[in-house]
């Protein structure tokens, strides 16, 4: 009996000290929980990556950049500004190195405007400063942006995604005119800002 009282490992632990077996058991539980959480997060990341690649988010419309000039919405005769039956205006543009086609479009003030763009070659940017219009124009996809211009004037449209050596010169213009004046413009006048001085 004297032998057991002299062994310090057999003595009861003072208050506040947790036995090693309890610590080991608790640590194993935490390791299992952390491993489970990491596995769940990995499964979620892989699943959303696969789902996102198969079904990209937002308004996704695909188009063949090799044939967009030949048929469909972006043929040359369909580019520029078009008045829609509901009173809104649709502007169709093609971004290509190193210009927007057409280079200038005219839209009426105070009217809903839908910009529909695509790229014929590389990724471009479409930005109208001082408005809510800012998007990337990616080959193979149609970008759509909606806005309304409250005031008349001219807006510069720079390409804000680096697209090659001529990127710095890739600019176009949006001219905003009164509704009555817009109604009297021909399709050619709506894409030629020089004739509207």
C-alpha atoms as a PDB file:
ATOM      1  CA  UNK A   1       0.000   0.000   0.000  1.00  0.00           C
ATOM      2  CA  UNK A   2       2.859   2.301   0.715  1.00  0.00           C
ATOM      3  CA  UNK A   3       4.149   1.606  -2.755  1.00  0.00           C
ATOM      4  CA  UNK A   4       0.993   2.931  -4.504  1.00  0.00           C
ATOM      5  CA  UNK A   5       0.996   6.176  -2.535  1.00  0.00           C
ATOM      6  CA  UNK A   6       4.551   6.978  -3.595  1.00  0.00           C
ATOM      7  CA  UNK A   7       3.780   6.518  -7.342  1.00  0.00           C
ATOM      8  CA  UNK A   8       2.866  10.039  -8.620  1.00  0.00           C
ATOM      9  CA  UNK A   9       1.038   8.665 -11.712  1.00  0.00           C
ATOM     10  CA  UNK A  10      -1.448   6.768  -9.553  1.00  0.00           C
ATOM     11  CA  UNK A  11      -2.357   9.830  -7.490  1.00  0.00           C
ATOM     12  CA  UNK A  12      -5.648  11.608  -8.315  1.00  0.00           C
ATOM     13  CA  UNK A  13      -5.345  14.705 -10.543  1.00  0.00           C
ATOM     14  CA  UNK A  14      -5.756  18.112  -8.932  1.00  0.00           C
ATOM     15  CA  UNK A  15      -8.852  20.179  -9.855  1.00  0.00           C
ATOM     16  CA  UNK A  16      -8.773  21.720 -13.363  1.00  0.00           C
ATOM     17  CA  UNK A  17      -6.428  19.175 -14.948  1.00  0.00           C
ATOM     18  CA  UNK A  18      -8.041  16.979 -17.593  1.00  0.00           C
ATOM     19  CA  UNK A  19      -6.883  13.380 -17.963  1.00  0.00           C
ATOM     20  CA  UNK A  20      -4.860  12.533 -21.093  1.00  0.00           C
ATOM     21  CA  UNK A  21      -7.457   9.980 -22.276  1.00  0.00           C
ATOM     22  CA  UNK A  22     -10.188  12.669 -22.323  1.00  0.00           C
ATOM     23  CA  UNK A  23      -7.920  15.073 -24.233  1.00  0.00           C
ATOM     24  CA  UNK A  24      -7.019  12.407 -26.808  1.00  0.00           C
ATOM     25  CA  UNK A  25     -10.690  11.448 -27.290  1.00  0.00           C
ATOM     26  CA  UNK A  26     -11.727  15.116 -27.698  1.00  0.00           C
ATOM     27  CA  UNK A  27      -8.944  15.815 -30.200  1.00  0.00           C
ATOM     28  CA  UNK A  28      -9.936  12.760 -32.260  1.00  0.00           C
ATOM     29  CA  UNK A  29     -13.544  14.037 -32.384  1.00  0.00           C
ATOM     30  CA  UNK A  30     -12.386  17.492 -33.563  1.00  0.00           C
ATOM     31  CA  UNK A  31     -10.126  15.974 -36.210  1.00  0.00           C
ATOM     32  CA  UNK A  32     -13.027  13.864 -37.504  1.00  0.00           C
ATOM     33  CA  UNK A  33     -15.345  16.920 -37.579  1.00  0.00           C
ATOM     34  CA  UNK A  34     -12.743  19.083 -39.394  1.00  0.00           C
ATOM     35  CA  UNK A  35     -12.018  16.323 -41.928  1.00  0.00           C
ATOM     36  CA  UNK A  36     -15.779  15.943 -42.539  1.00  0.00           C
ATOM     37  CA  UNK A  37     -16.226  19.688 -43.028  1.00  0.00           C
ATOM     38  CA  UNK A  38     -13.274  19.857 -45.443  1.00  0.00           C
ATOM     39  CA  UNK A  39     -14.672  16.920 -47.412  1.00  0.00           C
ATOM     40  CA  UNK A  40     -18.104  18.574 -47.618  1.00  0.00           C
ATOM     41  CA  UNK A  41     -16.560  21.872 -48.795  1.00  0.00           C
ATOM     42  CA  UNK A  42     -14.493  20.042 -51.413  1.00  0.00           C
ATOM     43  CA  UNK A  43     -17.601  18.252 -52.721  1.00  0.00           C
ATOM     44  CA  UNK A  44     -19.492  21.579 -52.891  1.00  0.00           C
ATOM     45  CA  UNK A  45     -16.631  23.280 -54.761  1.00  0.00           C
ATOM     46  CA  UNK A  46     -16.332  20.460 -57.292  1.00  0.00           C
ATOM     47  CA  UNK A  47     -20.113  20.222 -57.785  1.00  0.00           C
ATOM     48  CA  UNK A  48     -20.562  23.974 -58.311  1.00  0.00           C
ATOM     49  CA  UNK A  49     -17.548  24.053 -60.634  1.00  0.00           C
ATOM     50  CA  UNK A  50     -19.017  21.301 -62.794  1.00  0.00           C
ATOM     51  CA  UNK A  51     -22.505  22.819 -62.719  1.00  0.00           C
ATOM     52  CA  UNK A  52     -21.122  26.287 -63.500  1.00  0.00           C
ATOM     53  CA  UNK A  53     -19.145  24.974 -66.456  1.00  0.00           C
ATOM     54  CA  UNK A  54     -22.175  23.188 -67.853  1.00  0.00           C
ATOM     55  CA  UNK A  55     -24.645  25.976 -67.129  1.00  0.00           C
ATOM     56  CA  UNK A  56     -22.910  29.360 -66.688  1.00  0.00           C
ATOM     57  CA  UNK A  57     -24.866  31.881 -64.586  1.00  0.00           C
ATOM     58  CA  UNK A  58     -26.831  34.858 -65.959  1.00  0.00           C
ATOM     59  CA  UNK A  59     -28.351  35.519 -69.355  1.00  0.00           C
ATOM     60  CA  UNK A  60     -26.215  33.244 -71.506  1.00  0.00           C
ATOM     61  CA  UNK A  61     -26.689  33.354 -75.245  1.00  0.00           C
ATOM     62  CA  UNK A  62     -24.126  31.680 -77.437  1.00  0.00           C
ATOM     63  CA  UNK A  63     -23.177  32.675 -80.955  1.00  0.00           C
ATOM     64  CA  UNK A  64     -20.582  31.450 -83.428  1.00  0.00           C
ATOM     65  CA  UNK A  65     -18.007  34.257 -83.773  1.00  0.00           C
ATOM     66  CA  UNK A  66     -16.841  32.850 -87.110  1.00  0.00           C
ATOM     67  CA  UNK A  67     -20.246  33.294 -88.783  1.00  0.00           C
ATOM     68  CA  UNK A  68     -21.868  36.162 -86.883  1.00  0.00           C
ATOM     69  CA  UNK A  69     -21.455  38.522 -89.886  1.00  0.00           C
ATOM     70  CA  UNK A  70     -23.153  36.056 -92.212  1.00  0.00           C
ATOM     71  CA  UNK A  71     -26.484  35.273 -90.574  1.00  0.00           C
ATOM     72  CA  UNK A  72     -28.583  35.977 -87.534  1.00  0.00           C
ATOM     73  CA  UNK A  73     -28.900  38.986 -85.296  1.00  0.00           C
ATOM     74  CA  UNK A  74     -25.463  40.491 -85.948  1.00  0.00           C
ATOM     75  CA  UNK A  75     -25.407  40.676 -89.749  1.00  0.00           C
ATOM     76  CA  UNK A  76     -24.184  44.047 -90.997  1.00  0.00           C
ATOM     77  CA  UNK A  77     -27.643  45.274 -92.018  1.00  0.00           C
ATOM     78  CA  UNK A  78     -28.939  44.648 -88.482  1.00  0.00           C
ATOM     79  CA  UNK A  79     -26.198  46.533 -86.601  1.00  0.00           C
ATOM     80  CA  UNK A  80     -26.855  49.894 -84.987  1.00  0.00           C
ATOM     81  CA  UNK A  81     -30.004  51.264 -83.409  1.00  0.00           C
ATOM     82  CA  UNK A  82     -33.472  49.766 -83.879  1.00  0.00           C
ATOM     83  CA  UNK A  83     -36.724  51.030 -82.411  1.00  0.00           C
ATOM     84  CA  UNK A  84     -38.787  48.218 -80.886  1.00  0.00           C
ATOM     85  CA  UNK A  85     -42.621  47.962 -80.925  1.00  0.00           C
ATOM     86  CA  UNK A  86     -42.777  48.548 -77.139  1.00  0.00           C
ATOM     87  CA  UNK A  87     -41.048  51.937 -77.539  1.00  0.00           C
ATOM     88  CA  UNK A  88     -37.644  50.800 -76.322  1.00  0.00           C
ATOM     89  CA  UNK A  89     -34.494  50.882 -78.434  1.00  0.00           C
ATOM     90  CA  UNK A  90     -32.098  48.016 -79.128  1.00  0.00           C
ATOM     91  CA  UNK A  91     -28.484  48.733 -80.085  1.00  0.00           C
ATOM     92  CA  UNK A  92     -26.510  45.897 -81.674  1.00  0.00           C
ATOM     93  CA  UNK A  93     -22.712  46.181 -81.805  1.00  0.00           C
ATOM     94  CA  UNK A  94     -19.788  43.957 -82.691  1.00  0.00           C
ATOM     95  CA  UNK A  95     -16.470  44.442 -80.927  1.00  0.00           C
ATOM     96  CA  UNK A  96     -13.439  43.426 -82.935  1.00  0.00           C
ATOM     97  CA  UNK A  97      -9.781  44.331 -82.906  1.00  0.00           C
ATOM     98  CA  UNK A  98      -9.600  47.423 -82.760  1.00  0.00           C
ATOM     99  CA  UNK A  99     -13.035  48.926 -83.237  1.00  0.00           C
ATOM    100  CA  UNK A 100     -16.690  48.727 -82.404  1.00  0.00           C
ATOM    101  CA  UNK A 101     -18.996  48.248 -85.402  1.00  0.00           C
ATOM    102  CA  UNK A 102     -20.697  50.628 -85.853  1.00  0.00           C
ATOM    103  CA  UNK A 103     -18.402  53.293 -84.362  1.00  0.00           C
ATOM    104  CA  UNK A 104     -21.261  55.584 -83.402  1.00  0.00           C
ATOM    105  CA  UNK A 105     -24.894  54.983 -82.469  1.00  0.00           C
ATOM    106  CA  UNK A 106     -27.695  57.414 -81.746  1.00  0.00           C
ATOM    107  CA  UNK A 107     -30.349  56.751 -79.109  1.00  0.00           C
ATOM    108  CA  UNK A 108     -33.264  58.817 -77.787  1.00  0.00           C
ATOM    109  CA  UNK A 109     -33.190  60.421 -74.338  1.00  0.00           C
ATOM    110  CA  UNK A 110     -35.564  59.107 -71.674  1.00  0.00           C
ATOM    111  CA  UNK A 111     -36.119  55.778 -73.432  1.00  0.00           C
ATOM    112  CA  UNK A 112     -35.144  52.274 -72.278  1.00  0.00           C
ATOM    113  CA  UNK A 113     -32.090  51.163 -74.271  1.00  0.00           C
ATOM    114  CA  UNK A 114     -30.827  47.594 -74.607  1.00  0.00           C
ATOM    115  CA  UNK A 115     -27.230  47.149 -75.771  1.00  0.00           C
ATOM    116  CA  UNK A 116     -26.561  43.721 -77.302  1.00  0.00           C
ATOM    117  CA  UNK A 117     -22.917  43.029 -78.094  1.00  0.00           C
ATOM    118  CA  UNK A 118     -20.668  40.216 -79.169  1.00  0.00           C
ATOM    119  CA  UNK A 119     -17.030  39.838 -80.105  1.00  0.00           C
ATOM    120  CA  UNK A 120     -15.636  38.535 -83.358  1.00  0.00           C
ATOM    121  CA  UNK A 121     -12.160  37.754 -82.035  1.00  0.00           C
ATOM    122  CA  UNK A 122     -10.935  38.326 -78.447  1.00  0.00           C
ATOM    123  CA  UNK A 123     -12.330  39.532 -75.117  1.00  0.00           C
ATOM    124  CA  UNK A 124     -13.232  43.225 -75.177  1.00  0.00           C
ATOM    125  CA  UNK A 125     -14.788  45.581 -72.663  1.00  0.00           C
ATOM    126  CA  UNK A 126     -17.822  47.834 -73.077  1.00  0.00           C
ATOM    127  CA  UNK A 127     -18.077  50.853 -70.802  1.00  0.00           C
ATOM    128  CA  UNK A 128     -20.170  53.995 -70.854  1.00  0.00           C
ATOM    129  CA  UNK A 129     -18.742  56.298 -68.161  1.00  0.00           C
ATOM    130  CA  UNK A 130     -21.272  57.949 -65.807  1.00  0.00           C
ATOM    131  CA  UNK A 131     -23.865  55.221 -66.510  1.00  0.00           C
ATOM    132  CA  UNK A 132     -24.582  51.708 -65.254  1.00  0.00           C
ATOM    133  CA  UNK A 133     -23.196  50.214 -68.488  1.00  0.00           C
ATOM    134  CA  UNK A 134     -20.068  48.121 -67.947  1.00  0.00           C
ATOM    135  CA  UNK A 135     -19.595  44.598 -69.268  1.00  0.00           C
ATOM    136  CA  UNK A 136     -17.154  42.204 -70.859  1.00  0.00           C
ATOM    137  CA  UNK A 137     -17.723  41.196 -74.466  1.00  0.00           C
ATOM    138  CA  UNK A 138     -16.598  37.601 -74.907  1.00  0.00           C
ATOM    139  CA  UNK A 139     -16.306  35.754 -78.241  1.00  0.00           C
ATOM    140  CA  UNK A 140     -19.020  33.145 -78.589  1.00  0.00           C
ATOM    141  CA  UNK A 141     -21.448  34.887 -76.222  1.00  0.00           C
ATOM    142  CA  UNK A 142     -23.919  37.764 -76.471  1.00  0.00           C
ATOM    143  CA  UNK A 143     -23.625  40.420 -73.755  1.00  0.00           C
ATOM    144  CA  UNK A 144     -26.764  42.390 -72.911  1.00  0.00           C
ATOM    145  CA  UNK A 145     -26.913  45.584 -70.866  1.00  0.00           C
ATOM    146  CA  UNK A 146     -29.967  47.760 -70.186  1.00  0.00           C
ATOM    147  CA  UNK A 147     -29.958  51.468 -69.382  1.00  0.00           C
ATOM    148  CA  UNK A 148     -31.789  54.748 -69.894  1.00  0.00           C
ATOM    149  CA  UNK A 149     -30.178  58.086 -70.762  1.00  0.00           C
ATOM    150  CA  UNK A 150     -31.849  60.969 -68.941  1.00  0.00           C
ATOM    151  CA  UNK A 151     -29.910  63.754 -70.665  1.00  0.00           C
ATOM    152  CA  UNK A 152     -28.895  64.512 -74.210  1.00  0.00           C
ATOM    153  CA  UNK A 153     -25.216  64.461 -75.065  1.00  0.00           C
ATOM    154  CA  UNK A 154     -22.411  62.284 -76.318  1.00  0.00           C
ATOM    155  CA  UNK A 155     -20.868  59.407 -74.400  1.00  0.00           C
ATOM    156  CA  UNK A 156     -17.473  57.909 -75.193  1.00  0.00           C
ATOM    157  CA  UNK A 157     -17.349  54.095 -75.293  1.00  0.00           C
ATOM    158  CA  UNK A 158     -13.817  52.827 -74.620  1.00  0.00           C
ATOM    159  CA  UNK A 159     -12.828  49.195 -74.694  1.00  0.00           C
ATOM    160  CA  UNK A 160     -11.636  48.651 -71.127  1.00  0.00           C
ATOM    161  CA  UNK A 161     -10.308  45.093 -71.489  1.00  0.00           C
ATOM    162  CA  UNK A 162      -6.846  44.833 -73.037  1.00  0.00           C
ATOM    163  CA  UNK A 163      -7.365  43.337 -76.492  1.00  0.00           C
ATOM    164  CA  UNK A 164      -4.011  43.809 -78.211  1.00  0.00           C
ATOM    165  CA  UNK A 165      -1.573  46.453 -79.400  1.00  0.00           C
ATOM    166  CA  UNK A 166      -4.284  48.738 -80.824  1.00  0.00           C
ATOM    167  CA  UNK A 167      -6.407  48.608 -77.654  1.00  0.00           C
ATOM    168  CA  UNK A 168      -5.741  52.255 -76.753  1.00  0.00           C
ATOM    169  CA  UNK A 169      -7.466  53.431 -79.946  1.00  0.00           C
ATOM    170  CA  UNK A 170     -10.599  51.281 -79.580  1.00  0.00           C
ATOM    171  CA  UNK A 171     -13.310  53.863 -78.963  1.00  0.00           C
ATOM    172  CA  UNK A 172     -16.851  54.424 -80.144  1.00  0.00           C
ATOM    173  CA  UNK A 173     -19.597  56.927 -79.273  1.00  0.00           C
ATOM    174  CA  UNK A 174     -23.217  56.983 -78.186  1.00  0.00           C
ATOM    175  CA  UNK A 175     -25.062  60.141 -79.095  1.00  0.00           C
ATOM    176  CA  UNK A 176     -28.241  60.841 -77.102  1.00  0.00           C
ATOM    177  CA  UNK A 177     -30.785  63.055 -78.889  1.00  0.00           C
ATOM    178  CA  UNK A 178     -34.374  64.145 -78.152  1.00  0.00           C
ATOM    179  CA  UNK A 179     -37.070  61.543 -78.902  1.00  0.00           C
ATOM    180  CA  UNK A 180     -38.624  63.602 -81.688  1.00  0.00           C
ATOM    181  CA  UNK A 181     -35.312  64.057 -83.444  1.00  0.00           C
ATOM    182  CA  UNK A 182     -34.533  60.345 -83.112  1.00  0.00           C
ATOM    183  CA  UNK A 183     -37.875  59.412 -84.706  1.00  0.00           C
ATOM    184  CA  UNK A 184     -36.948  61.452 -87.798  1.00  0.00           C
ATOM    185  CA  UNK A 185     -33.515  59.860 -88.284  1.00  0.00           C
ATOM    186  CA  UNK A 186     -33.005  57.179 -90.911  1.00  0.00           C
ATOM    187  CA  UNK A 187     -31.206  53.920 -90.075  1.00  0.00           C
ATOM    188  CA  UNK A 188     -28.032  55.259 -91.734  1.00  0.00           C
ATOM    189  CA  UNK A 189     -28.185  58.546 -89.781  1.00  0.00           C
ATOM    190  CA  UNK A 190     -28.525  56.586 -86.512  1.00  0.00           C
ATOM    191  CA  UNK A 191     -25.055  55.062 -86.997  1.00  0.00           C
ATOM    192  CA  UNK A 192     -23.274  58.114 -88.441  1.00  0.00           C
ATOM    193  CA  UNK A 193     -22.523  60.781 -85.850  1.00  0.00           C
ATOM    194  CA  UNK A 194     -20.664  62.988 -88.356  1.00  0.00           C
ATOM    195  CA  UNK A 195     -23.901  63.904 -90.182  1.00  0.00           C
ATOM    196  CA  UNK A 196     -25.597  65.075 -86.963  1.00  0.00           C
ATOM    197  CA  UNK A 197     -23.413  68.067 -86.100  1.00  0.00           C
END
